[in-house]
Amino acid sequence: MSWLFYFHIYMLKLILQKYKLFQFFNNLDHKIILLEITRLSILKILTTTY
């Protein structure tokens, strides 16, 4: 586990908090964007860790 891994998780948490804050979950487009961000972050974590 590198610091980069924790950094990505931290960034994801911030993004999630922002989305919750503005209640964008009501909008499907934002859900899709959030899923895409999450997916890309996970891919990045996997490629940098292994």
C-alpha atoms as a PDB file:
ATOM      1  CA  MET A   1       0.000   0.000   0.000  1.00  0.00           C
ATOM      2  CA  SER A   2       1.547   3.246  -1.123  1.00  0.00           C
ATOM      3  CA  TRP A   3       0.694   6.805  -0.184  1.00  0.00           C
ATOM      4  CA  LEU A   4      -0.774   7.142  -3.691  1.00  0.00           C
ATOM      5  CA  PHE A   5      -3.375   4.512  -2.845  1.00  0.00           C
ATOM      6  CA  TYR A   6      -4.516   6.480   0.216  1.00  0.00           C
ATOM      7  CA  PHE A   7      -4.424   9.694  -1.769  1.00  0.00           C
ATOM      8  CA  HIS A   8      -6.857   8.261  -4.339  1.00  0.00           C
ATOM      9  CA  ILE A   9      -9.202   7.101  -1.590  1.00  0.00           C
ATOM     10  CA  TYR A  10      -9.020  10.534   0.020  1.00  0.00           C
ATOM     11  CA  MET A  11      -9.833  12.221  -3.297  1.00  0.00           C
ATOM     12  CA  LEU A  12     -12.754   9.866  -3.838  1.00  0.00           C
ATOM     13  CA  LYS A  13     -14.111  10.713  -0.402  1.00  0.00           C
ATOM     14  CA  LEU A  14     -13.878  14.421  -1.173  1.00  0.00           C
ATOM     15  CA  ILE A  15     -15.678  13.938  -4.490  1.00  0.00           C
ATOM     16  CA  LEU A  16     -18.390  11.885  -2.795  1.00  0.00           C
ATOM     17  CA  GLN A  17     -18.839  14.523  -0.099  1.00  0.00           C
ATOM     18  CA  LYS A  18     -19.143  17.263  -2.722  1.00  0.00           C
ATOM     19  CA  TYR A  19     -21.748  15.279  -4.641  1.00  0.00           C
ATOM     20  CA  LYS A  20     -23.728  14.573  -1.496  1.00  0.00           C
ATOM     21  CA  LEU A  21     -23.468  18.187  -0.457  1.00  0.00           C
ATOM     22  CA  PHE A  22     -25.104  19.453  -3.651  1.00  0.00           C
ATOM     23  CA  GLN A  23     -27.433  16.428  -3.878  1.00  0.00           C
ATOM     24  CA  PHE A  24     -26.501  15.686  -7.460  1.00  0.00           C
ATOM     25  CA  PHE A  25     -27.567  12.091  -6.922  1.00  0.00           C
ATOM     26  CA  ASN A  26     -31.020  13.156  -8.058  1.00  0.00           C
ATOM     27  CA  ASN A  27     -29.565  13.568 -11.511  1.00  0.00           C
ATOM     28  CA  LEU A  28     -28.693  10.417 -13.461  1.00  0.00           C
ATOM     29  CA  ASP A  29     -25.963  12.182 -15.462  1.00  0.00           C
ATOM     30  CA  HIS A  30     -24.071  12.979 -12.296  1.00  0.00           C
ATOM     31  CA  LYS A  31     -24.387   9.398 -11.094  1.00  0.00           C
ATOM     32  CA  ILE A  32     -22.832   8.221 -14.338  1.00  0.00           C
ATOM     33  CA  ILE A  33     -20.034  10.796 -14.044  1.00  0.00           C
ATOM     34  CA  LEU A  34     -19.370   9.735 -10.455  1.00  0.00           C
ATOM     35  CA  LEU A  35     -19.264   6.057 -11.449  1.00  0.00           C
ATOM     36  CA  GLU A  36     -16.838   6.874 -14.244  1.00  0.00           C
ATOM     37  CA  ILE A  37     -14.590   8.858 -11.887  1.00  0.00           C
ATOM     38  CA  THR A  38     -14.646   5.957  -9.427  1.00  0.00           C
ATOM     39  CA  ARG A  39     -13.899   3.410 -12.135  1.00  0.00           C
ATOM     40  CA  LEU A  40     -10.991   5.439 -13.507  1.00  0.00           C
ATOM     41  CA  SER A  41      -9.565   5.978 -10.028  1.00  0.00           C
ATOM     42  CA  ILE A  42      -9.721   2.266  -9.259  1.00  0.00           C
ATOM     43  CA  LEU A  43      -8.006   1.471 -12.548  1.00  0.00           C
ATOM     44  CA  LYS A  44      -5.309   4.013 -11.782  1.00  0.00           C
ATOM     45  CA  ILE A  45      -4.798   2.557  -8.294  1.00  0.00           C
ATOM     46  CA  LEU A  46      -4.495  -0.961  -9.705  1.00  0.00           C
ATOM     47  CA  THR A  47      -2.031   0.040 -12.408  1.00  0.00           C
ATOM     48  CA  THR A  48       0.161   2.038 -10.010  1.00  0.00           C
ATOM     49  CA  THR A  49       0.090  -0.493  -7.156  1.00  0.00           C
ATOM     50  CA  TYR A  50       0.829  -3.691  -9.079  1.00  0.00           C
END
